[in-house]
Amino acid sequence: GSDTGRLFQAASETILNSATVFLGLCIGATMTADTFLTAQTLAIVAGGFLAFCISIAGGIVAVKIYNRFAQKKINPLIGATGLSAVPMAARVANEIALKHDPTNHILQYAMSSNISGVIGSAVAAGVLISFLA
C-alpha cells in the first residue's frame, strides 16, 4: 500500500485551516456590524446556546435516571453526546472519560449517540416543516 500519512495530515490540518480562514475572510468581507450584530441575531445565538446547554444537561440527567433503574449502567457522558454536534461532542466526551480513567474508551458509543442526535434533529425538523407548510 501507499503511504498516505502526509496527505492525511495536510488535509486535516493545512487544507482545513486554510479553507476555514478563506471562508471567514469571504464572509467577513461582505458582512458589516450594523447588518449582523442586531438584537435579533444576538437573541438567536443566545437561544441556540441555551438549547445546546439544555440538551447536554438533559442527556446527562436522563442517563442518570436510567442508571437508577437499570442493572447495566451507562456512562452519563454518553447522554451528553445525544445532540447533533458531530463529531466534537463525542470527541470531547471521550477525552473527559479518558482523563478520569485511561482505560475508559467511549468514543464508539458516543458517536452512536451523536448520530442518534442527528437523526432526531432531522425528524424534528421534518415535523416542524410539516406543521409550517
Protein backbone atom coordinates (compact mmCIF):
# COMPACT_ATOMS: atom_id res chain seq x y z
CA GLY A 1 0.00 0.00 0.00
CA SER A 2 0.97 3.59 -0.40
CA ASP A 3 1.79 5.90 2.47
CA THR A 4 -0.98 8.47 2.81
CA GLY A 5 0.15 9.90 6.13
CA ARG A 6 1.36 13.18 4.65
CA LEU A 7 -1.82 13.57 2.59
CA PHE A 8 -3.99 12.89 5.65
CA GLN A 9 -2.02 15.39 7.74
CA ALA A 10 -2.24 18.05 5.02
CA ALA A 11 -5.98 17.53 4.61
CA SER A 12 -6.71 17.51 8.32
CA GLU A 13 -4.51 20.45 9.24
CA THR A 14 -3.19 22.69 6.48
CA ILE A 15 -6.02 22.48 3.96
CA LEU A 16 -8.75 22.58 6.63
CA ASN A 17 -7.23 25.61 8.36
CA SER A 18 -6.70 27.41 5.04
CA ALA A 19 -10.29 26.75 3.96
CA THR A 20 -11.58 27.99 7.32
CA VAL A 21 -9.58 31.22 7.09
CA PHE A 22 -10.63 31.75 3.45
CA LEU A 23 -14.30 31.16 4.28
CA GLY A 24 -14.08 33.53 7.26
CA LEU A 25 -12.47 36.23 5.12
CA CYS A 26 -15.05 35.89 2.34
CA ILE A 27 -17.99 36.07 4.71
CA GLY A 28 -16.40 38.70 6.93
CA ALA A 29 -15.58 40.96 3.99
CA THR A 30 -19.22 41.14 2.95
CA MET A 31 -20.68 41.40 6.45
CA THR A 32 -20.94 44.68 8.33
CA ALA A 33 -21.60 45.06 12.05
CA ASP A 34 -24.82 47.02 11.59
CA THR A 35 -26.19 44.22 9.38
CA PHE A 36 -25.08 41.29 11.50
CA LEU A 37 -24.85 42.49 15.08
CA THR A 38 -28.52 43.15 15.78
CA ALA A 39 -30.71 42.28 18.75
CA GLN A 40 -32.41 39.57 16.70
CA THR A 41 -29.08 37.93 15.82
CA LEU A 42 -27.88 38.04 19.42
CA ALA A 43 -31.20 36.54 20.58
CA ILE A 44 -30.84 33.70 18.06
CA VAL A 45 -27.26 32.99 19.19
CA ALA A 46 -28.29 33.10 22.87
CA GLY A 47 -31.26 30.82 22.18
CA GLY A 48 -29.03 28.33 20.36
CA PHE A 49 -26.53 28.36 23.22
CA LEU A 50 -29.32 27.84 25.75
CA ALA A 51 -30.79 24.97 23.70
CA PHE A 52 -27.34 23.38 23.46
CA CYS A 53 -26.84 23.61 27.25
CA ILE A 54 -30.31 22.22 27.97
CA SER A 55 -29.72 19.34 25.55
CA ILE A 56 -26.42 18.38 27.18
CA ALA A 57 -27.77 18.66 30.72
CA GLY A 58 -30.96 16.82 29.78
CA GLY A 59 -28.98 13.96 28.26
CA ILE A 60 -26.83 13.59 31.36
CA VAL A 61 -29.86 13.71 33.67
CA ALA A 62 -31.75 11.19 31.50
CA VAL A 63 -28.87 8.70 31.69
CA LYS A 64 -28.57 9.20 35.46
CA ILE A 65 -32.30 8.48 35.85
CA TYR A 66 -31.93 5.42 33.60
CA ASN A 67 -28.99 4.19 35.70
CA ARG A 68 -31.14 4.26 38.85
CA PHE A 69 -33.39 1.53 37.43
CA ALA A 70 -31.12 -0.42 35.06
CA GLN A 71 -28.87 -3.30 36.01
CA LYS A 72 -26.32 -2.49 33.32
CA LYS A 73 -25.18 1.11 33.81
CA ILE A 74 -24.36 3.65 31.09
CA ASN A 75 -21.69 6.32 31.38
CA PRO A 76 -23.54 9.67 31.82
CA LEU A 77 -21.15 11.25 29.31
CA ILE A 78 -22.98 9.27 26.62
CA GLY A 79 -26.09 11.29 27.44
CA ALA A 80 -24.16 14.49 26.78
CA THR A 81 -23.42 13.37 23.22
CA GLY A 82 -27.05 12.87 22.15
CA LEU A 83 -27.08 16.08 20.14
CA SER A 84 -26.15 16.70 16.55
CA ALA A 85 -22.73 18.27 17.15
CA VAL A 86 -20.85 15.60 15.19
CA PRO A 87 -18.06 14.64 15.89
CA MET A 88 -16.90 17.15 18.50
CA ALA A 89 -19.39 16.19 21.24
CA ALA A 90 -18.26 12.57 21.03
CA ARG A 91 -14.59 13.51 20.98
CA VAL A 92 -14.92 15.83 23.98
CA ALA A 93 -16.84 13.18 25.94
CA ASN A 94 -14.17 10.61 25.08
CA GLU A 95 -11.38 12.97 26.20
CA ILE A 96 -13.15 13.63 29.51
CA ALA A 97 -13.66 9.90 30.05
CA LEU A 98 -10.00 9.16 29.26
CA LYS A 99 -8.86 11.92 31.60
CA HIS A 100 -10.67 10.28 34.52
CA ASP A 101 -9.83 6.68 33.55
CA PRO A 102 -7.21 5.99 30.83
CA THR A 103 -8.86 2.64 30.02
CA ASN A 104 -12.35 4.14 29.53
CA HIS A 105 -12.70 4.37 25.74
CA ILE A 106 -16.25 5.52 24.96
CA LEU A 107 -15.75 7.08 21.51
CA GLN A 108 -17.68 4.44 19.54
CA TYR A 109 -20.64 4.64 21.95
CA ALA A 110 -20.52 8.44 21.99
CA MET A 111 -20.52 8.55 18.17
CA SER A 112 -23.58 6.29 18.01
CA SER A 113 -25.35 8.62 20.42
CA ASN A 114 -24.21 11.56 18.29
CA ILE A 115 -25.69 10.00 15.14
CA SER A 116 -28.93 9.39 17.04
CA GLY A 117 -28.98 13.12 17.77
CA VAL A 118 -28.58 13.87 14.06
CA ILE A 119 -31.45 11.54 13.19
CA GLY A 120 -33.59 13.05 15.94
CA SER A 121 -32.84 16.56 14.66
CA ALA A 122 -33.80 15.56 11.13
CA VAL A 123 -37.08 14.05 12.33
CA ALA A 124 -37.86 17.11 14.46
CA ALA A 125 -37.09 19.41 11.52
CA GLY A 126 -39.38 17.35 9.27
CA VAL A 127 -42.21 17.53 11.79
CA LEU A 128 -41.72 21.27 12.21
CA ILE A 129 -41.71 21.85 8.45
CA SER A 130 -44.87 19.77 8.07
CA PHE A 131 -46.61 22.00 10.63
CA LEU A 132 -45.48 25.16 8.86
CA ALA A 133 -46.28 24.02 5.31
